[in-house]
Structures are given as structure tokens and as C-alpha cells.
Amino acid sequence: MSGTAVTDALSPFHTSSDIQKIMLFVLPVTFIVLLLTTNSWFEPVLFMITIGIAIMLNRGTNLLFGEISFVTNAAGSVLQLAVSMDYSIFLLHRFAENRAEGKDVQDAMVAAVKQSTGSALIN
């Protein structure tokens, strides 16, 4: 069989398959990059676990709505990984800067969250 109807029917399957292959490639690469660029071996583990849990929760809440767009289903996990990882790295660096200034752990994290959420630098 061929034609647009067949292509339309098979595209969600092929897209889902391709996204799974991408995730299998991206996850180890992301973990290796984090291992090479962070100060502790535990930071990448913590990042990957928390983001993995967030992705699973997001996919679980999507099931509550019954039907999920195949585009959302395909791209949601990859986008969430990228955006969450980006924010996590910003937060970690701001936290380390605040700790280096001598703030205690709680004050350093509060300041880091405030500094990481805006688009401009907040002093």
C-alpha cells in the first residue's frame, strides 16, 4: 500500500520510533557531558534522576486527558529534557556562586532560584 492515507497512518508510529532512538542517543551523551563539566560525579546522577521523574510525571498526567496529540507525545520528552537540563545547570551555577560568597545553603538556594528565573541578571 502507498499514498497519503498510509503515510498519515504510519507517521505517528515512525515518529515515536525515531524519538525513542534519539532519546537512547541523547541520554548517554548528556550524561557524559555533565560528567565532564560538573564538579561532582553525583550532580549528573541527580540531574538525570530528577528530570527523568519529571518526564514520567508529565507523561502520566497526559494520560489523564485521554487522547494526546502525537506531536506532543513525540516531542514532549525531548523538549522537557532540554529545557529542564538548561535551567538545572543555571540553577547549579548560581547556587555555587552564592555559596562561594559565603551564604548558607538555604539562603544560597533562595538567591539562586531568584537569579535563575529572570531573563536578566539579578543581583
PDB file of N, CA and C in Angstrom:
ATOM      1  N   MET A   1       0.832  -1.176   0.000  1.00  0.00           N
ATOM      2  CA  MET A   1       0.000   0.000   0.000  1.00  0.00           C
ATOM      3  C   MET A   1       0.880   1.243   0.000  1.00  0.00           C
ATOM      4  N   SER A   2       0.329   2.296  -0.604  1.00  0.00           N
ATOM      5  CA  SER A   2       1.045   3.565  -0.625  1.00  0.00           C
ATOM      6  C   SER A   2       0.034   4.694  -0.723  1.00  0.00           C
ATOM      7  N   GLY A   3       0.540   5.899  -0.585  1.00  0.00           N
ATOM      8  CA  GLY A   3      -0.326   7.067  -0.678  1.00  0.00           C
ATOM      9  C   GLY A   3      -0.315   7.858   0.613  1.00  0.00           C
ATOM     10  N   THR A   4      -1.005   8.993   0.577  1.00  0.00           N
ATOM     11  CA  THR A   4      -1.005   9.880   1.745  1.00  0.00           C
ATOM     12  C   THR A   4      -1.735   9.289   2.936  1.00  0.00           C
ATOM     13  N   ALA A   5      -2.780   8.519   2.711  1.00  0.00           N
ATOM     14  CA  ALA A   5      -3.510   7.910   3.826  1.00  0.00           C
ATOM     15  C   ALA A   5      -2.615   6.936   4.591  1.00  0.00           C
ATOM     16  N   VAL A   6      -1.843   6.150   3.870  1.00  0.00           N
ATOM     17  CA  VAL A   6      -0.930   5.196   4.512  1.00  0.00           C
ATOM     18  C   VAL A   6       0.177   5.950   5.234  1.00  0.00           C
ATOM     19  N   THR A   7       0.703   6.976   4.591  1.00  0.00           N
ATOM     20  CA  THR A   7       1.755   7.782   5.210  1.00  0.00           C
ATOM     21  C   THR A   7       1.248   8.446   6.485  1.00  0.00           C
ATOM     22  N   ASP A   8       0.036   9.010   6.428  1.00  0.00           N
ATOM     23  CA  ASP A   8      -0.553   9.645   7.605  1.00  0.00           C
ATOM     24  C   ASP A   8      -0.789   8.638   8.731  1.00  0.00           C
ATOM     25  N   ALA A   9      -1.196   7.447   8.369  1.00  0.00           N
ATOM     26  CA  ALA A   9      -1.461   6.419   9.377  1.00  0.00           C
ATOM     27  C   ALA A   9      -0.168   5.918  10.024  1.00  0.00           C
ATOM     28  N   LEU A  10       0.911   5.846   9.259  1.00  0.00           N
ATOM     29  CA  LEU A  10       2.171   5.315   9.783  1.00  0.00           C
ATOM     30  C   LEU A  10       3.069   6.378  10.413  1.00  0.00           C
ATOM     31  N   SER A  11       2.828   7.654  10.146  1.00  0.00           N
ATOM     32  CA  SER A  11       3.729   8.685  10.655  1.00  0.00           C
ATOM     33  C   SER A  11       3.809   8.739  12.182  1.00  0.00           C
ATOM     34  N   PRO A  12       2.706   8.578  12.949  1.00  0.00           N
ATOM     35  CA  PRO A  12       2.871   8.546  14.412  1.00  0.00           C
ATOM     36  C   PRO A  12       3.782   7.404  14.878  1.00  0.00           C
ATOM     37  N   PHE A  13       3.650   6.236  14.259  1.00  0.00           N
ATOM     38  CA  PHE A  13       4.498   5.096  14.630  1.00  0.00           C
ATOM     39  C   PHE A  13       5.957   5.387  14.332  1.00  0.00           C
ATOM     40  N   HIS A  14       6.237   5.898  13.133  1.00  0.00           N
ATOM     41  CA  HIS A  14       7.624   6.190  12.748  1.00  0.00           C
ATOM     42  C   HIS A  14       8.205   7.316  13.596  1.00  0.00           C
ATOM     43  N   THR A  15       7.413   8.326  13.882  1.00  0.00           N
ATOM     44  CA  THR A  15       7.885   9.440  14.708  1.00  0.00           C
ATOM     45  C   THR A  15       8.207   8.952  16.111  1.00  0.00           C
ATOM     46  N   SER A  16       7.338   8.159  16.677  1.00  0.00           N
ATOM     47  CA  SER A  16       7.567   7.611  18.015  1.00  0.00           C
ATOM     48  C   SER A  16       8.831   6.762  18.040  1.00  0.00           C
ATOM     49  N   SER A  17       9.013   5.959  17.034  1.00  0.00           N
ATOM     50  CA  SER A  17      10.203   5.118  16.938  1.00  0.00           C
ATOM     51  C   SER A  17      11.472   5.970  16.826  1.00  0.00           C
ATOM     52  N   ASP A  18      11.402   7.016  16.012  1.00  0.00           N
ATOM     53  CA  ASP A  18      12.561   7.897  15.846  1.00  0.00           C
ATOM     54  C   ASP A  18      12.897   8.645  17.136  1.00  0.00           C
ATOM     55  N   ILE A  19      11.879   9.100  17.864  1.00  0.00           N
ATOM     56  CA  ILE A  19      12.103   9.803  19.129  1.00  0.00           C
ATOM     57  C   ILE A  19      12.746   8.869  20.151  1.00  0.00           C
ATOM     58  N   GLN A  20      12.324   7.623  20.182  1.00  0.00           N
ATOM     59  CA  GLN A  20      12.945   6.662  21.099  1.00  0.00           C
ATOM     60  C   GLN A  20      14.417   6.466  20.763  1.00  0.00           C
ATOM     61  N   LYS A  21      14.745   6.392  19.486  1.00  0.00           N
ATOM     62  CA  LYS A  21      16.143   6.261  19.079  1.00  0.00           C
ATOM     63  C   LYS A  21      16.941   7.497  19.463  1.00  0.00           C
ATOM     64  N   ILE A  22      16.341   8.666  19.281  1.00  0.00           N
ATOM     65  CA  ILE A  22      17.018   9.916  19.647  1.00  0.00           C
ATOM     66  C   ILE A  22      17.284   9.950  21.146  1.00  0.00           C
ATOM     67  N   MET A  23      16.284   9.583  21.946  1.00  0.00           N
ATOM     68  CA  MET A  23      16.458   9.591  23.407  1.00  0.00           C
ATOM     69  C   MET A  23      17.538   8.599  23.832  1.00  0.00           C
ATOM     70  N   LEU A  24      17.601   7.452  23.183  1.00  0.00           N
ATOM     71  CA  LEU A  24      18.642   6.478  23.518  1.00  0.00           C
ATOM     72  C   LEU A  24      20.037   7.001  23.198  1.00  0.00           C
ATOM     73  N   PHE A  25      20.140   7.904  22.251  1.00  0.00           N
ATOM     74  CA  PHE A  25      21.421   8.524  21.918  1.00  0.00           C
ATOM     75  C   PHE A  25      21.692   9.740  22.810  1.00  0.00           C
ATOM     76  N   VAL A  26      20.664  10.562  23.045  1.00  0.00           N
ATOM     77  CA  VAL A  26      20.838  11.826  23.761  1.00  0.00           C
ATOM     78  C   VAL A  26      21.132  11.609  25.248  1.00  0.00           C
ATOM     79  N   LEU A  27      20.469  10.668  25.869  1.00  0.00           N
ATOM     80  CA  LEU A  27      20.661  10.463  27.310  1.00  0.00           C
ATOM     81  C   LEU A  27      22.106  10.134  27.682  1.00  0.00           C
ATOM     82  N   PRO A  28      22.744   9.161  27.050  1.00  0.00           N
ATOM     83  CA  PRO A  28      24.144   8.898  27.411  1.00  0.00           C
ATOM     84  C   PRO A  28      25.079  10.067  27.073  1.00  0.00           C
ATOM     85  N   VAL A  29      24.839  10.729  25.952  1.00  0.00           N
ATOM     86  CA  VAL A  29      25.682  11.876  25.580  1.00  0.00           C
ATOM     87  C   VAL A  29      25.529  12.989  26.608  1.00  0.00           C
ATOM     88  N   THR A  30      24.293  13.266  27.009  1.00  0.00           N
ATOM     89  CA  THR A  30      24.045  14.290  28.027  1.00  0.00           C
ATOM     90  C   THR A  30      24.727  13.923  29.330  1.00  0.00           C
ATOM     91  N   PHE A  31      24.617  12.679  29.726  1.00  0.00           N
ATOM     92  CA  PHE A  31      25.236  12.242  30.978  1.00  0.00           C
ATOM     93  C   PHE A  31      26.756  12.378  30.911  1.00  0.00           C
ATOM     94  N   ILE A  32      27.359  12.011  29.811  1.00  0.00           N
ATOM     95  CA  ILE A  32      28.817  12.120  29.661  1.00  0.00           C
ATOM     96  C   ILE A  32      29.257  13.574  29.689  1.00  0.00           C
ATOM     97  N   VAL A  33      28.535  14.445  28.996  1.00  0.00           N
ATOM     98  CA  VAL A  33      28.875  15.871  29.004  1.00  0.00           C
ATOM     99  C   VAL A  33      28.766  16.429  30.421  1.00  0.00           C
ATOM    100  N   LEU A  34      27.716  16.049  31.123  1.00  0.00           N
ATOM    101  CA  LEU A  34      27.572  16.507  32.503  1.00  0.00           C
ATOM    102  C   LEU A  34      28.693  15.983  33.390  1.00  0.00           C
ATOM    103  N   LEU A  35      29.085  14.736  33.210  1.00  0.00           N
ATOM    104  CA  LEU A  35      30.191  14.187  33.996  1.00  0.00           C
ATOM    105  C   LEU A  35      31.481  14.971  33.770  1.00  0.00           C
ATOM    106  N   LEU A  36      31.701  15.386  32.537  1.00  0.00           N
ATOM    107  CA  LEU A  36      32.925  16.103  32.202  1.00  0.00           C
ATOM    108  C   LEU A  36      32.905  17.562  32.639  1.00  0.00           C
ATOM    109  N   THR A  37      31.726  18.142  32.806  1.00  0.00           N
ATOM    110  CA  THR A  37      31.649  19.575  33.056  1.00  0.00           C
ATOM    111  C   THR A  37      31.193  19.966  34.457  1.00  0.00           C
ATOM    112  N   THR A  38      30.831  19.018  35.290  1.00  0.00           N
ATOM    113  CA  THR A  38      30.416  19.357  36.647  1.00  0.00           C
ATOM    114  C   THR A  38      31.529  19.036  37.628  1.00  0.00           C
ATOM    115  N   ASN A  39      31.356  19.554  38.845  1.00  0.00           N
ATOM    116  CA  ASN A  39      32.389  19.395  39.874  1.00  0.00           C
ATOM    117  C   ASN A  39      32.286  18.079  40.627  1.00  0.00           C
ATOM    118  N   SER A  40      31.155  17.443  40.561  1.00  0.00           N
ATOM    119  CA  SER A  40      30.913  16.227  41.324  1.00  0.00           C
ATOM    120  C   SER A  40      30.332  15.157  40.409  1.00  0.00           C
ATOM    121  N   TRP A  41      30.625  13.909  40.688  1.00  0.00           N
ATOM    122  CA  TRP A  41      30.060  12.819  39.897  1.00  0.00           C
ATOM    123  C   TRP A  41      28.585  12.644  40.202  1.00  0.00           C
ATOM    124  N   PHE A  42      28.134  13.120  41.373  1.00  0.00           N
ATOM    125  CA  PHE A  42      26.746  12.929  41.771  1.00  0.00           C
ATOM    126  C   PHE A  42      25.792  13.933  41.120  1.00  0.00           C
ATOM    127  N   GLU A  43      26.297  15.096  40.724  1.00  0.00           N
ATOM    128  CA  GLU A  43      25.428  16.105  40.107  1.00  0.00           C
ATOM    129  C   GLU A  43      24.740  15.582  38.847  1.00  0.00           C
ATOM    130  N   PRO A  44      25.453  14.949  37.912  1.00  0.00           N
ATOM    131  CA  PRO A  44      24.759  14.411  36.732  1.00  0.00           C
ATOM    132  C   PRO A  44      23.725  13.337  37.084  1.00  0.00           C
ATOM    133  N   VAL A  45      24.041  12.511  38.070  1.00  0.00           N
ATOM    134  CA  VAL A  45      23.097  11.479  38.502  1.00  0.00           C
ATOM    135  C   VAL A  45      21.831  12.138  39.043  1.00  0.00           C
ATOM    136  N   LEU A  46      22.004  13.151  39.878  1.00  0.00           N
ATOM    137  CA  LEU A  46      20.872  13.868  40.446  1.00  0.00           C
ATOM    138  C   LEU A  46      20.042  14.546  39.361  1.00  0.00           C
ATOM    139  N   PHE A  47      20.705  15.199  38.415  1.00  0.00           N
ATOM    140  CA  PHE A  47      20.011  15.839  37.298  1.00  0.00           C
ATOM    141  C   PHE A  47      19.180  14.824  36.518  1.00  0.00           C
ATOM    142  N   MET A  48      19.801  13.733  36.137  1.00  0.00           N
ATOM    143  CA  MET A  48      19.126  12.754  35.284  1.00  0.00           C
ATOM    144  C   MET A  48      17.947  12.099  36.015  1.00  0.00           C
ATOM    145  N   ILE A  49      18.112  11.806  37.300  1.00  0.00           N
ATOM    146  CA  ILE A  49      17.022  11.187  38.068  1.00  0.00           C
ATOM    147  C   ILE A  49      15.847  12.149  38.196  1.00  0.00           C
ATOM    148  N   THR A  50      16.110  13.385  38.587  1.00  0.00           N
ATOM    149  CA  THR A  50      15.007  14.330  38.791  1.00  0.00           C
ATOM    150  C   THR A  50      14.309  14.666  37.475  1.00  0.00           C
ATOM    151  N   ILE A  51      15.065  14.841  36.410  1.00  0.00           N
ATOM    152  CA  ILE A  51      14.438  15.144  35.124  1.00  0.00           C
ATOM    153  C   ILE A  51      13.695  13.919  34.588  1.00  0.00           C
ATOM    154  N   GLY A  52      14.243  12.740  34.809  1.00  0.00           N
ATOM    155  CA  GLY A  52      13.544  11.515  34.409  1.00  0.00           C
ATOM    156  C   GLY A  52      12.221  11.354  35.133  1.00  0.00           C
ATOM    157  N   ILE A  53      12.204  11.652  36.416  1.00  0.00           N
ATOM    158  CA  ILE A  53      10.955  11.581  37.187  1.00  0.00           C
ATOM    159  C   ILE A  53       9.965  12.619  36.676  1.00  0.00           C
ATOM    160  N   ALA A  54      10.464  13.823  36.384  1.00  0.00           N
ATOM    161  CA  ALA A  54       9.576  14.872  35.857  1.00  0.00           C
ATOM    162  C   ALA A  54       8.979  14.470  34.512  1.00  0.00           C
ATOM    163  N   ILE A  55       9.775  13.861  33.665  1.00  0.00           N
ATOM    164  CA  ILE A  55       9.267  13.406  32.361  1.00  0.00           C
ATOM    165  C   ILE A  55       8.207  12.321  32.551  1.00  0.00           C
ATOM    166  N   MET A  56       8.462  11.384  33.460  1.00  0.00           N
ATOM    167  CA  MET A  56       7.467  10.332  33.713  1.00  0.00           C
ATOM    168  C   MET A  56       6.175  10.915  34.284  1.00  0.00           C
ATOM    169  N   LEU A  57       6.286  11.886  35.193  1.00  0.00           N
ATOM    170  CA  LEU A  57       5.088  12.526  35.738  1.00  0.00           C
ATOM    171  C   LEU A  57       4.318  13.258  34.643  1.00  0.00           C
ATOM    172  N   ASN A  58       5.041  13.941  33.777  1.00  0.00           N
ATOM    173  CA  ASN A  58       4.396  14.661  32.683  1.00  0.00           C
ATOM    174  C   ASN A  58       3.663  13.695  31.753  1.00  0.00           C
ATOM    175  N   ARG A  59       4.295  12.597  31.434  1.00  0.00           N
ATOM    176  CA  ARG A  59       3.643  11.614  30.557  1.00  0.00           C
ATOM    177  C   ARG A  59       2.447  10.980  31.266  1.00  0.00           C
ATOM    178  N   GLY A  60       2.540  10.814  32.564  1.00  0.00           N
ATOM    179  CA  GLY A  60       1.421  10.258  33.321  1.00  0.00           C
ATOM    180  C   GLY A  60       0.240  11.201  33.381  1.00  0.00           C
ATOM    181  N   THR A  61       0.508  12.506  33.551  1.00  0.00           N
ATOM    182  CA  THR A  61      -0.602  13.456  33.575  1.00  0.00           C
ATOM    183  C   THR A  61      -1.230  13.599  32.199  1.00  0.00           C
ATOM    184  N   ASN A  62      -0.466  13.372  31.143  1.00  0.00           N
ATOM    185  CA  ASN A  62      -1.051  13.405  29.799  1.00  0.00           C
ATOM    186  C   ASN A  62      -2.085  12.298  29.622  1.00  0.00           C
ATOM    187  N   LEU A  63      -1.887  11.186  30.292  1.00  0.00           N
ATOM    188  CA  LEU A  63      -2.845  10.074  30.180  1.00  0.00           C
ATOM    189  C   LEU A  63      -4.197  10.427  30.788  1.00  0.00           C
ATOM    190  N   LEU A  64      -4.201  11.361  31.737  1.00  0.00           N
ATOM    191  CA  LEU A  64      -5.457  11.756  32.369  1.00  0.00           C
ATOM    192  C   LEU A  64      -6.411  12.417  31.381  1.00  0.00           C
ATOM    193  N   PHE A  65      -5.868  13.027  30.344  1.00  0.00           N
ATOM    194  CA  PHE A  65      -6.705  13.731  29.382  1.00  0.00           C
ATOM    195  C   PHE A  65      -7.258  12.819  28.295  1.00  0.00           C
ATOM    196  N   GLY A  66      -6.910  11.564  28.329  1.00  0.00           N
ATOM    197  CA  GLY A  66      -7.464  10.594  27.396  1.00  0.00           C
ATOM    198  C   GLY A  66      -6.687  10.487  26.104  1.00  0.00           C
ATOM    199  N   GLU A  67      -6.722  11.497  25.289  1.00  0.00           N
ATOM    200  CA  GLU A  67      -6.055  11.453  23.993  1.00  0.00           C
ATOM    201  C   GLU A  67      -4.963  12.508  23.950  1.00  0.00           C
ATOM    202  N   ILE A  68      -3.811  12.126  23.450  1.00  0.00           N
ATOM    203  CA  ILE A  68      -2.651  13.009  23.391  1.00  0.00           C
ATOM    204  C   ILE A  68      -2.266  13.197  21.937  1.00  0.00           C
ATOM    205  N   SER A  69      -1.992  14.415  21.569  1.00  0.00           N
ATOM    206  CA  SER A  69      -1.509  14.690  20.220  1.00  0.00           C
ATOM    207  C   SER A  69      -0.222  13.910  19.992  1.00  0.00           C
ATOM    208  N   PHE A  70      -0.071  13.308  18.829  1.00  0.00           N
ATOM    209  CA  PHE A  70       1.140  12.518  18.605  1.00  0.00           C
ATOM    210  C   PHE A  70       2.365  13.415  18.539  1.00  0.00           C
ATOM    211  N   VAL A  71       2.200  14.672  18.168  1.00  0.00           N
ATOM    212  CA  VAL A  71       3.324  15.613  18.163  1.00  0.00           C
ATOM    213  C   VAL A  71       3.767  15.892  19.598  1.00  0.00           C
ATOM    214  N   THR A  72       2.800  16.136  20.481  1.00  0.00           N
ATOM    215  CA  THR A  72       3.110  16.355  21.896  1.00  0.00           C
ATOM    216  C   THR A  72       3.751  15.114  22.490  1.00  0.00           C
ATOM    217  N   ASN A  73       3.208  13.980  22.176  1.00  0.00           N
ATOM    218  CA  ASN A  73       3.742  12.722  22.683  1.00  0.00           C
ATOM    219  C   ASN A  73       5.167  12.488  22.195  1.00  0.00           C
ATOM    220  N   ALA A  74       5.434  12.852  20.962  1.00  0.00           N
ATOM    221  CA  ALA A  74       6.756  12.614  20.378  1.00  0.00           C
ATOM    222  C   ALA A  74       7.796  13.607  20.882  1.00  0.00           C
ATOM    223  N   ALA A  75       7.448  14.880  20.916  1.00  0.00           N
ATOM    224  CA  ALA A  75       8.442  15.907  21.202  1.00  0.00           C
ATOM    225  C   ALA A  75       8.498  16.314  22.672  1.00  0.00           C
ATOM    226  N   GLY A  76       7.474  16.002  23.437  1.00  0.00           N
ATOM    227  CA  GLY A  76       7.397  16.464  24.820  1.00  0.00           C
ATOM    228  C   GLY A  76       8.574  16.057  25.687  1.00  0.00           C
ATOM    229  N   SER A  77       8.966  14.808  25.626  1.00  0.00           N
ATOM    230  CA  SER A  77      10.052  14.324  26.481  1.00  0.00           C
ATOM    231  C   SER A  77      11.390  14.959  26.124  1.00  0.00           C
ATOM    232  N   VAL A  78      11.666  15.075  24.845  1.00  0.00           N
ATOM    233  CA  VAL A  78      12.932  15.661  24.405  1.00  0.00           C
ATOM    234  C   VAL A  78      12.994  17.132  24.782  1.00  0.00           C
ATOM    235  N   LEU A  79      11.910  17.839  24.554  1.00  0.00           N
ATOM    236  CA  LEU A  79      11.883  19.261  24.916  1.00  0.00           C
ATOM    237  C   LEU A  79      11.988  19.462  26.417  1.00  0.00           C
ATOM    238  N   GLN A  80      11.295  18.637  27.171  1.00  0.00           N
ATOM    239  CA  GLN A  80      11.363  18.763  28.621  1.00  0.00           C
ATOM    240  C   GLN A  80      12.777  18.474  29.123  1.00  0.00           C
ATOM    241  N   LEU A  81      13.436  17.493  28.561  1.00  0.00           N
ATOM    242  CA  LEU A  81      14.814  17.194  28.933  1.00  0.00           C
ATOM    243  C   LEU A  81      15.707  18.396  28.664  1.00  0.00           C
ATOM    244  N   ALA A  82      15.593  18.979  27.484  1.00  0.00           N
ATOM    245  CA  ALA A  82      16.458  20.100  27.110  1.00  0.00           C
ATOM    246  C   ALA A  82      16.214  21.321  27.994  1.00  0.00           C
ATOM    247  N   VAL A  83      14.974  21.690  28.169  1.00  0.00           N
ATOM    248  CA  VAL A  83      14.660  22.892  28.944  1.00  0.00           C
ATOM    249  C   VAL A  83      14.991  22.688  30.417  1.00  0.00           C
ATOM    250  N   SER A  84      14.635  21.545  30.962  1.00  0.00           N
ATOM    251  CA  SER A  84      14.914  21.278  32.372  1.00  0.00           C
ATOM    252  C   SER A  84      16.409  21.209  32.642  1.00  0.00           C
ATOM    253  N   MET A  85      17.155  20.596  31.739  1.00  0.00           N
ATOM    254  CA  MET A  85      18.602  20.497  31.918  1.00  0.00           C
ATOM    255  C   MET A  85      19.230  21.883  31.884  1.00  0.00           C
ATOM    256  N   ASP A  86      18.773  22.702  30.975  1.00  0.00           N
ATOM    257  CA  ASP A  86      19.272  24.066  30.852  1.00  0.00           C
ATOM    258  C   ASP A  86      19.055  24.833  32.154  1.00  0.00           C
ATOM    259  N   TYR A  87      17.839  24.808  32.662  1.00  0.00           N
ATOM    260  CA  TYR A  87      17.525  25.507  33.901  1.00  0.00           C
ATOM    261  C   TYR A  87      18.305  24.913  35.076  1.00  0.00           C
ATOM    262  N   SER A  88      18.443  23.616  35.134  1.00  0.00           N
ATOM    263  CA  SER A  88      19.162  22.965  36.233  1.00  0.00           C
ATOM    264  C   SER A  88      20.619  23.413  36.279  1.00  0.00           C
ATOM    265  N   ILE A  89      21.221  23.539  35.121  1.00  0.00           N
ATOM    266  CA  ILE A  89      22.623  23.976  35.065  1.00  0.00           C
ATOM    267  C   ILE A  89      22.751  25.426  35.521  1.00  0.00           C
ATOM    268  N   PHE A  90      21.839  26.292  35.063  1.00  0.00           N
ATOM    269  CA  PHE A  90      21.850  27.684  35.527  1.00  0.00           C
ATOM    270  C   PHE A  90      21.696  27.752  37.037  1.00  0.00           C
ATOM    271  N   LEU A  91      20.753  26.992  37.562  1.00  0.00           N
ATOM    272  CA  LEU A  91      20.495  26.987  38.999  1.00  0.00           C
ATOM    273  C   LEU A  91      21.718  26.497  39.776  1.00  0.00           C
ATOM    274  N   LEU A  92      22.340  25.439  39.307  1.00  0.00           N
ATOM    275  CA  LEU A  92      23.523  24.902  39.975  1.00  0.00           C
ATOM    276  C   LEU A  92      24.655  25.925  40.015  1.00  0.00           C
ATOM    277  N   HIS A  93      24.889  26.607  38.894  1.00  0.00           N
ATOM    278  CA  HIS A  93      25.969  27.595  38.856  1.00  0.00           C
ATOM    279  C   HIS A  93      25.670  28.792  39.758  1.00  0.00           C
ATOM    280  N   ARG A  94      24.443  29.256  39.764  1.00  0.00           N
ATOM    281  CA  ARG A  94      24.065  30.364  40.650  1.00  0.00           C
ATOM    282  C   ARG A  94      24.194  29.949  42.113  1.00  0.00           C
ATOM    283  N   PHE A  95      23.793  28.730  42.422  1.00  0.00           N
ATOM    284  CA  PHE A  95      23.924  28.229  43.789  1.00  0.00           C
ATOM    285  C   PHE A  95      25.393  28.191  44.204  1.00  0.00           C
ATOM    286  N   ALA A  96      26.261  27.695  43.336  1.00  0.00           N
ATOM    287  CA  ALA A  96      27.699  27.635  43.647  1.00  0.00           C
ATOM    288  C   ALA A  96      28.272  29.038  43.838  1.00  0.00           C
ATOM    289  N   GLU A  97      27.842  29.997  43.019  1.00  0.00           N
ATOM    290  CA  GLU A  97      28.314  31.374  43.183  1.00  0.00           C
ATOM    291  C   GLU A  97      27.884  31.948  44.527  1.00  0.00           C
ATOM    292  N   ASN A  98      26.646  31.700  44.914  1.00  0.00           N
ATOM    293  CA  ASN A  98      26.154  32.208  46.196  1.00  0.00           C
ATOM    294  C   ASN A  98      26.839  31.534  47.376  1.00  0.00           C
ATOM    295  N   ARG A  99      27.129  30.245  47.244  1.00  0.00           N
ATOM    296  CA  ARG A  99      27.866  29.551  48.313  1.00  0.00           C
ATOM    297  C   ARG A  99      29.283  30.092  48.428  1.00  0.00           C
ATOM    298  N   ALA A 100      29.902  30.417  47.283  1.00  0.00           N
ATOM    299  CA  ALA A 100      31.257  30.976  47.285  1.00  0.00           C
ATOM    300  C   ALA A 100      31.290  32.350  47.942  1.00  0.00           C
ATOM    301  N   GLU A 101      30.168  33.063  47.909  1.00  0.00           N
ATOM    302  CA  GLU A 101      30.072  34.362  48.572  1.00  0.00           C
ATOM    303  C   GLU A 101      29.887  34.226  50.077  1.00  0.00           C
ATOM    304  N   GLY A 102      29.719  32.997  50.553  1.00  0.00           N
ATOM    305  CA  GLY A 102      29.623  32.762  51.987  1.00  0.00           C
ATOM    306  C   GLY A 102      28.208  32.597  52.516  1.00  0.00           C
ATOM    307  N   LYS A 103      27.213  32.532  51.659  1.00  0.00           N
ATOM    308  CA  LYS A 103      25.842  32.344  52.119  1.00  0.00           C
ATOM    309  C   LYS A 103      25.643  30.904  52.564  1.00  0.00           C
ATOM    310  N   ASP A 104      24.745  30.722  53.552  1.00  0.00           N
ATOM    311  CA  ASP A 104      24.451  29.344  53.952  1.00  0.00           C
ATOM    312  C   ASP A 104      23.620  28.668  52.866  1.00  0.00           C
ATOM    313  N   VAL A 105      23.402  27.381  53.013  1.00  0.00           N
ATOM    314  CA  VAL A 105      22.790  26.577  51.956  1.00  0.00           C
ATOM    315  C   VAL A 105      21.405  27.093  51.577  1.00  0.00           C
ATOM    316  N   GLN A 106      20.562  27.340  52.569  1.00  0.00           N
ATOM    317  CA  GLN A 106      19.193  27.755  52.274  1.00  0.00           C
ATOM    318  C   GLN A 106      19.161  29.134  51.615  1.00  0.00           C
ATOM    319  N   ASP A 107      19.911  30.094  52.146  1.00  0.00           N
ATOM    320  CA  ASP A 107      19.939  31.437  51.552  1.00  0.00           C
ATOM    321  C   ASP A 107      20.543  31.405  50.151  1.00  0.00           C
ATOM    322  N   ALA A 108      21.548  30.562  49.959  1.00  0.00           N
ATOM    323  CA  ALA A 108      22.172  30.452  48.638  1.00  0.00           C
ATOM    324  C   ALA A 108      21.187  29.889  47.619  1.00  0.00           C
ATOM    325  N   MET A 109      20.368  28.919  48.022  1.00  0.00           N
ATOM    326  CA  MET A 109      19.399  28.344  47.094  1.00  0.00           C
ATOM    327  C   MET A 109      18.272  29.320  46.796  1.00  0.00           C
ATOM    328  N   VAL A 110      17.793  30.033  47.811  1.00  0.00           N
ATOM    329  CA  VAL A 110      16.741  31.033  47.591  1.00  0.00           C
ATOM    330  C   VAL A 110      17.232  32.091  46.615  1.00  0.00           C
ATOM    331  N   ALA A 111      18.450  32.574  46.821  1.00  0.00           N
ATOM    332  CA  ALA A 111      19.021  33.574  45.917  1.00  0.00           C
ATOM    333  C   ALA A 111      19.226  32.993  44.517  1.00  0.00           C
ATOM    334  N   ALA A 112      19.666  31.743  44.428  1.00  0.00           N
ATOM    335  CA  ALA A 112      19.899  31.104  43.130  1.00  0.00           C
ATOM    336  C   ALA A 112      18.608  30.960  42.343  1.00  0.00           C
ATOM    337  N   VAL A 113      17.522  30.593  43.021  1.00  0.00           N
ATOM    338  CA  VAL A 113      16.229  30.464  42.332  1.00  0.00           C
ATOM    339  C   VAL A 113      15.791  31.822  41.805  1.00  0.00           C
ATOM    340  N   LYS A 114      15.944  32.867  42.618  1.00  0.00           N
ATOM    341  CA  LYS A 114      15.574  34.206  42.169  1.00  0.00           C
ATOM    342  C   LYS A 114      16.435  34.651  40.979  1.00  0.00           C
ATOM    343  N   GLN A 115      17.710  34.337  41.035  1.00  0.00           N
ATOM    344  CA  GLN A 115      18.620  34.756  39.969  1.00  0.00           C
ATOM    345  C   GLN A 115      18.417  33.949  38.680  1.00  0.00           C
ATOM    346  N   SER A 116      17.957  32.730  38.803  1.00  0.00           N
ATOM    347  CA  SER A 116      17.825  31.848  37.636  1.00  0.00           C
ATOM    348  C   SER A 116      16.498  31.986  36.904  1.00  0.00           C
ATOM    349  N   THR A 117      15.499  32.552  37.557  1.00  0.00           N
ATOM    350  CA  THR A 117      14.188  32.599  36.928  1.00  0.00           C
ATOM    351  C   THR A 117      14.009  33.762  35.975  1.00  0.00           C
ATOM    352  N   GLY A 118      14.731  34.848  36.160  1.00  0.00           N
ATOM    353  CA  GLY A 118      14.582  36.005  35.286  1.00  0.00           C
ATOM    354  C   GLY A 118      15.441  35.892  34.047  1.00  0.00           C
ATOM    355  N   SER A 119      15.107  36.705  33.056  1.00  0.00           N
ATOM    356  CA  SER A 119      15.898  36.691  31.827  1.00  0.00           C
ATOM    357  C   SER A 119      17.118  37.592  31.940  1.00  0.00           C
ATOM    358  N   ALA A 120      17.121  38.496  32.903  1.00  0.00           N
ATOM    359  CA  ALA A 120      18.258  39.384  33.112  1.00  0.00           C
ATOM    360  C   ALA A 120      18.949  39.002  34.412  1.00  0.00           C
ATOM    361  N   LEU A 121      20.177  39.424  34.550  1.00  0.00           N
ATOM    362  CA  LEU A 121      20.906  39.156  35.785  1.00  0.00           C
ATOM    363  C   LEU A 121      20.294  39.955  36.928  1.00  0.00           C
ATOM    364  N   ILE A 122      20.041  39.283  38.017  1.00  0.00           N
ATOM    365  CA  ILE A 122      19.503  39.933  39.217  1.00  0.00           C
ATOM    366  C   ILE A 122      20.572  39.856  40.285  1.00  0.00           C
ATOM    367  N   ASN A 123      20.905  40.964  40.839  1.00  0.00           N
ATOM    368  CA  ASN A 123      21.935  40.969  41.901  1.00  0.00           C
ATOM    369  C   ASN A 123      21.333  40.805  43.242  1.00  0.00           C
TER     370      ASN A 123
END
